[in-house]
Amino acid sequence: MSTLEQIEAAILTLPPDEFQRLRQWFADLDYQRWDEQIEQDIAEGKLDALAEEAIA
């Protein structure tokens, strides 16, 4: 059984309150990583063309 399959199986056994805590933790982590990616894209100039288009 892969690690992912083990995690999935463990999640299915969580009581509702712990499942809710996991969902919130995962959502927070996802938003944090998304913010980090956006900041990296900005620093690398990947969004410059979009910014210039919006200003124009």
PDB file of N, CA and C in Angstrom:
ATOM      1  N   MET A   1       0.858  -1.187   0.000  1.00  0.00           N
ATOM      2  CA  MET A   1       0.000   0.000   0.000  1.00  0.00           C
ATOM      3  C   MET A   1       0.895   1.239   0.000  1.00  0.00           C
ATOM      4  N   SER A   2       0.602   2.168  -0.894  1.00  0.00           N
ATOM      5  CA  SER A   2       1.403   3.393  -0.980  1.00  0.00           C
ATOM      6  C   SER A   2       1.085   4.325   0.191  1.00  0.00           C
ATOM      7  N   THR A   3       1.960   5.279   0.372  1.00  0.00           N
ATOM      8  CA  THR A   3       1.745   6.273   1.427  1.00  0.00           C
ATOM      9  C   THR A   3       0.431   7.013   1.218  1.00  0.00           C
ATOM     10  N   LEU A   4       0.152   7.379  -0.027  1.00  0.00           N
ATOM     11  CA  LEU A   4      -1.096   8.080  -0.312  1.00  0.00           C
ATOM     12  C   LEU A   4      -2.305   7.216   0.035  1.00  0.00           C
ATOM     13  N   GLU A   5      -2.248   5.958  -0.301  1.00  0.00           N
ATOM     14  CA  GLU A   5      -3.353   5.054   0.036  1.00  0.00           C
ATOM     15  C   GLU A   5      -3.511   4.920   1.546  1.00  0.00           C
ATOM     16  N   GLN A   6      -2.412   4.926   2.273  1.00  0.00           N
ATOM     17  CA  GLN A   6      -2.475   4.861   3.731  1.00  0.00           C
ATOM     18  C   GLN A   6      -3.115   6.124   4.300  1.00  0.00           C
ATOM     19  N   ILE A   7      -2.741   7.262   3.738  1.00  0.00           N
ATOM     20  CA  ILE A   7      -3.324   8.529   4.187  1.00  0.00           C
ATOM     21  C   ILE A   7      -4.816   8.556   3.906  1.00  0.00           C
ATOM     22  N   GLU A   8      -5.193   8.137   2.707  1.00  0.00           N
ATOM     23  CA  GLU A   8      -6.614   8.109   2.346  1.00  0.00           C
ATOM     24  C   GLU A   8      -7.398   7.205   3.295  1.00  0.00           C
ATOM     25  N   ALA A   9      -6.856   6.045   3.596  1.00  0.00           N
ATOM     26  CA  ALA A   9      -7.534   5.108   4.499  1.00  0.00           C
ATOM     27  C   ALA A   9      -7.664   5.712   5.892  1.00  0.00           C
ATOM     28  N   ALA A  10      -6.620   6.386   6.347  1.00  0.00           N
ATOM     29  CA  ALA A  10      -6.668   7.008   7.674  1.00  0.00           C
ATOM     30  C   ALA A  10      -7.709   8.128   7.715  1.00  0.00           C
ATOM     31  N   ILE A  11      -7.791   8.897   6.660  1.00  0.00           N
ATOM     32  CA  ILE A  11      -8.769   9.990   6.602  1.00  0.00           C
ATOM     33  C   ILE A  11     -10.188   9.448   6.703  1.00  0.00           C
ATOM     34  N   LEU A  12     -10.427   8.332   6.054  1.00  0.00           N
ATOM     35  CA  LEU A  12     -11.770   7.750   6.083  1.00  0.00           C
ATOM     36  C   LEU A  12     -12.192   7.298   7.477  1.00  0.00           C
ATOM     37  N   THR A  13     -11.237   7.118   8.371  1.00  0.00           N
ATOM     38  CA  THR A  13     -11.564   6.672   9.730  1.00  0.00           C
ATOM     39  C   THR A  13     -11.690   7.822  10.725  1.00  0.00           C
ATOM     40  N   LEU A  14     -11.412   9.041  10.282  1.00  0.00           N
ATOM     41  CA  LEU A  14     -11.447  10.176  11.202  1.00  0.00           C
ATOM     42  C   LEU A  14     -12.865  10.480  11.675  1.00  0.00           C
ATOM     43  N   PRO A  15     -13.011  10.804  12.956  1.00  0.00           N
ATOM     44  CA  PRO A  15     -14.312  11.302  13.414  1.00  0.00           C
ATOM     45  C   PRO A  15     -14.570  12.680  12.798  1.00  0.00           C
ATOM     46  N   PRO A  16     -15.827  13.082  12.728  1.00  0.00           N
ATOM     47  CA  PRO A  16     -16.172  14.345  12.052  1.00  0.00           C
ATOM     48  C   PRO A  16     -15.382  15.567  12.531  1.00  0.00           C
ATOM     49  N   ASP A  17     -15.162  15.702  13.832  1.00  0.00           N
ATOM     50  CA  ASP A  17     -14.450  16.884  14.324  1.00  0.00           C
ATOM     51  C   ASP A  17     -12.994  16.896  13.853  1.00  0.00           C
ATOM     52  N   GLU A  18     -12.347  15.749  13.846  1.00  0.00           N
ATOM     53  CA  GLU A  18     -10.973  15.688  13.372  1.00  0.00           C
ATOM     54  C   GLU A  18     -10.909  15.854  11.850  1.00  0.00           C
ATOM     55  N   PHE A  19     -11.904  15.349  11.144  1.00  0.00           N
ATOM     56  CA  PHE A  19     -11.958  15.544   9.705  1.00  0.00           C
ATOM     57  C   PHE A  19     -12.074  17.028   9.384  1.00  0.00           C
ATOM     58  N   GLN A  20     -12.901  17.746  10.139  1.00  0.00           N
ATOM     59  CA  GLN A  20     -13.055  19.188   9.929  1.00  0.00           C
ATOM     60  C   GLN A  20     -11.732  19.902  10.193  1.00  0.00           C
ATOM     61  N   ARG A  21     -11.021  19.521  11.240  1.00  0.00           N
ATOM     62  CA  ARG A  21      -9.713  20.119  11.528  1.00  0.00           C
ATOM     63  C   ARG A  21      -8.739  19.851  10.392  1.00  0.00           C
ATOM     64  N   LEU A  22      -8.749  18.645   9.840  1.00  0.00           N
ATOM     65  CA  LEU A  22      -7.882  18.296   8.721  1.00  0.00           C
ATOM     66  C   LEU A  22      -8.235  19.133   7.492  1.00  0.00           C
ATOM     67  N   ARG A  23      -9.525  19.272   7.206  1.00  0.00           N
ATOM     68  CA  ARG A  23      -9.958  20.077   6.062  1.00  0.00           C
ATOM     69  C   ARG A  23      -9.466  21.509   6.187  1.00  0.00           C
ATOM     70  N   GLN A  24      -9.583  22.080   7.384  1.00  0.00           N
ATOM     71  CA  GLN A  24      -9.149  23.461   7.589  1.00  0.00           C
ATOM     72  C   GLN A  24      -7.635  23.572   7.443  1.00  0.00           C
ATOM     73  N   TRP A  25      -6.905  22.627   8.013  1.00  0.00           N
ATOM     74  CA  TRP A  25      -5.449  22.627   7.902  1.00  0.00           C
ATOM     75  C   TRP A  25      -5.028  22.539   6.438  1.00  0.00           C
ATOM     76  N   PHE A  26      -5.674  21.640   5.686  1.00  0.00           N
ATOM     77  CA  PHE A  26      -5.326  21.459   4.286  1.00  0.00           C
ATOM     78  C   PHE A  26      -5.642  22.710   3.472  1.00  0.00           C
ATOM     79  N   ALA A  27      -6.777  23.318   3.732  1.00  0.00           N
ATOM     80  CA  ALA A  27      -7.148  24.544   3.018  1.00  0.00           C
ATOM     81  C   ALA A  27      -6.143  25.653   3.312  1.00  0.00           C
ATOM     82  N   ASP A  28      -5.758  25.807   4.571  1.00  0.00           N
ATOM     83  CA  ASP A  28      -4.772  26.817   4.946  1.00  0.00           C
ATOM     84  C   ASP A  28      -3.439  26.563   4.243  1.00  0.00           C
ATOM     85  N   LEU A  29      -3.010  25.319   4.215  1.00  0.00           N
ATOM     86  CA  LEU A  29      -1.760  24.960   3.546  1.00  0.00           C
ATOM     87  C   LEU A  29      -1.849  25.248   2.043  1.00  0.00           C
ATOM     88  N   ASP A  30      -2.969  24.923   1.441  1.00  0.00           N
ATOM     89  CA  ASP A  30      -3.157  25.162   0.015  1.00  0.00           C
ATOM     90  C   ASP A  30      -3.081  26.655  -0.300  1.00  0.00           C
ATOM     91  N   TYR A  31      -3.761  27.478   0.498  1.00  0.00           N
ATOM     92  CA  TYR A  31      -3.714  28.925   0.288  1.00  0.00           C
ATOM     93  C   TYR A  31      -2.299  29.460   0.476  1.00  0.00           C
ATOM     94  N   GLN A  32      -1.583  28.967   1.485  1.00  0.00           N
ATOM     95  CA  GLN A  32      -0.217  29.411   1.741  1.00  0.00           C
ATOM     96  C   GLN A  32       0.681  29.092   0.546  1.00  0.00           C
ATOM     97  N   ARG A  33       0.580  27.885   0.026  1.00  0.00           N
ATOM     98  CA  ARG A  33       1.411  27.495  -1.123  1.00  0.00           C
ATOM     99  C   ARG A  33       1.033  28.285  -2.367  1.00  0.00           C
ATOM    100  N   TRP A  34      -0.253  28.578  -2.545  1.00  0.00           N
ATOM    101  CA  TRP A  34      -0.695  29.380  -3.681  1.00  0.00           C
ATOM    102  C   TRP A  34      -0.109  30.779  -3.579  1.00  0.00           C
ATOM    103  N   ASP A  35      -0.170  31.380  -2.382  1.00  0.00           N
ATOM    104  CA  ASP A  35       0.407  32.706  -2.172  1.00  0.00           C
ATOM    105  C   ASP A  35       1.904  32.705  -2.475  1.00  0.00           C
ATOM    106  N   GLU A  36       2.610  31.680  -2.022  1.00  0.00           N
ATOM    107  CA  GLU A  36       4.042  31.587  -2.281  1.00  0.00           C
ATOM    108  C   GLU A  36       4.321  31.491  -3.779  1.00  0.00           C
ATOM    109  N   GLN A  37       3.498  30.740  -4.504  1.00  0.00           N
ATOM    110  CA  GLN A  37       3.685  30.605  -5.954  1.00  0.00           C
ATOM    111  C   GLN A  37       3.441  31.929  -6.655  1.00  0.00           C
ATOM    112  N   ILE A  38       2.400  32.649  -6.249  1.00  0.00           N
ATOM    113  CA  ILE A  38       2.109  33.959  -6.846  1.00  0.00           C
ATOM    114  C   ILE A  38       3.266  34.910  -6.586  1.00  0.00           C
ATOM    115  N   GLU A  39       3.772  34.927  -5.353  1.00  0.00           N
ATOM    116  CA  GLU A  39       4.897  35.811  -5.030  1.00  0.00           C
ATOM    117  C   GLU A  39       6.123  35.456  -5.866  1.00  0.00           C
ATOM    118  N   GLN A  40       6.370  34.179  -6.070  1.00  0.00           N
ATOM    119  CA  GLN A  40       7.497  33.750  -6.888  1.00  0.00           C
ATOM    120  C   GLN A  40       7.286  34.174  -8.343  1.00  0.00           C
ATOM    121  N   ASP A  41       6.073  33.988  -8.847  1.00  0.00           N
ATOM    122  CA  ASP A  41       5.779  34.391 -10.223  1.00  0.00           C
ATOM    123  C   ASP A  41       5.959  35.896 -10.410  1.00  0.00           C
ATOM    124  N   ILE A  42       5.548  36.677  -9.426  1.00  0.00           N
ATOM    125  CA  ILE A  42       5.718  38.130  -9.494  1.00  0.00           C
ATOM    126  C   ILE A  42       7.202  38.475  -9.510  1.00  0.00           C
ATOM    127  N   ALA A  43       7.968  37.874  -8.612  1.00  0.00           N
ATOM    128  CA  ALA A  43       9.399  38.152  -8.527  1.00  0.00           C
ATOM    129  C   ALA A  43      10.118  37.779  -9.816  1.00  0.00           C
ATOM    130  N   GLU A  44       9.651  36.760 -10.502  1.00  0.00           N
ATOM    131  CA  GLU A  44      10.269  36.312 -11.747  1.00  0.00           C
ATOM    132  C   GLU A  44       9.733  37.062 -12.964  1.00  0.00           C
ATOM    133  N   GLY A  45       8.798  37.980 -12.745  1.00  0.00           N
ATOM    134  CA  GLY A  45       8.265  38.779 -13.836  1.00  0.00           C
ATOM    135  C   GLY A  45       7.237  38.078 -14.697  1.00  0.00           C
ATOM    136  N   LYS A  46       6.751  36.946 -14.244  1.00  0.00           N
ATOM    137  CA  LYS A  46       5.806  36.180 -15.054  1.00  0.00           C
ATOM    138  C   LYS A  46       4.444  36.869 -15.204  1.00  0.00           C
ATOM    139  N   LEU A  47       4.163  37.818 -14.333  1.00  0.00           N
ATOM    140  CA  LEU A  47       2.860  38.488 -14.379  1.00  0.00           C
ATOM    141  C   LEU A  47       2.955  39.915 -14.916  1.00  0.00           C
ATOM    142  N   ASP A  48       4.146  40.309 -15.361  1.00  0.00           N
ATOM    143  CA  ASP A  48       4.335  41.670 -15.839  1.00  0.00           C
ATOM    144  C   ASP A  48       3.406  42.011 -17.001  1.00  0.00           C
ATOM    145  N   ALA A  49       3.279  41.106 -17.956  1.00  0.00           N
ATOM    146  CA  ALA A  49       2.439  41.385 -19.123  1.00  0.00           C
ATOM    147  C   ALA A  49       0.978  41.584 -18.697  1.00  0.00           C
ATOM    148  N   LEU A  50       0.522  40.800 -17.743  1.00  0.00           N
ATOM    149  CA  LEU A  50      -0.853  40.975 -17.265  1.00  0.00           C
ATOM    150  C   LEU A  50      -1.030  42.311 -16.563  1.00  0.00           C
ATOM    151  N   ALA A  51      -0.038  42.713 -15.782  1.00  0.00           N
ATOM    152  CA  ALA A  51      -0.105  44.001 -15.086  1.00  0.00           C
ATOM    153  C   ALA A  51      -0.123  45.152 -16.086  1.00  0.00           C
ATOM    154  N   GLU A  52       0.731  45.073 -17.094  1.00  0.00           N
ATOM    155  CA  GLU A  52       0.767  46.122 -18.111  1.00  0.00           C
ATOM    156  C   GLU A  52      -0.555  46.201 -18.873  1.00  0.00           C
ATOM    157  N   GLU A  53      -1.144  45.055 -19.169  1.00  0.00           N
ATOM    158  CA  GLU A  53      -2.434  45.026 -19.866  1.00  0.00           C
ATOM    159  C   GLU A  53      -3.525  45.645 -18.999  1.00  0.00           C
ATOM    160  N   ALA A  54      -3.494  45.361 -17.708  1.00  0.00           N
ATOM    161  CA  ALA A  54      -4.507  45.908 -16.805  1.00  0.00           C
ATOM    162  C   ALA A  54      -4.372  47.420 -16.679  1.00  0.00           C
ATOM    163  N   ILE A  55      -3.149  47.905 -16.656  1.00  0.00           N
ATOM    164  CA  ILE A  55      -2.923  49.349 -16.548  1.00  0.00           C
ATOM    165  C   ILE A  55      -3.373  50.065 -17.820  1.00  0.00           C
ATOM    166  N   ALA A  56      -3.124  49.435 -18.946  1.00  0.00           N
ATOM    167  CA  ALA A  56      -3.500  50.044 -20.242  1.00  0.00           C
ATOM    168  C   ALA A  56      -4.989  49.984 -20.379  1.00  0.00           C
TER     169      ALA A  56
END
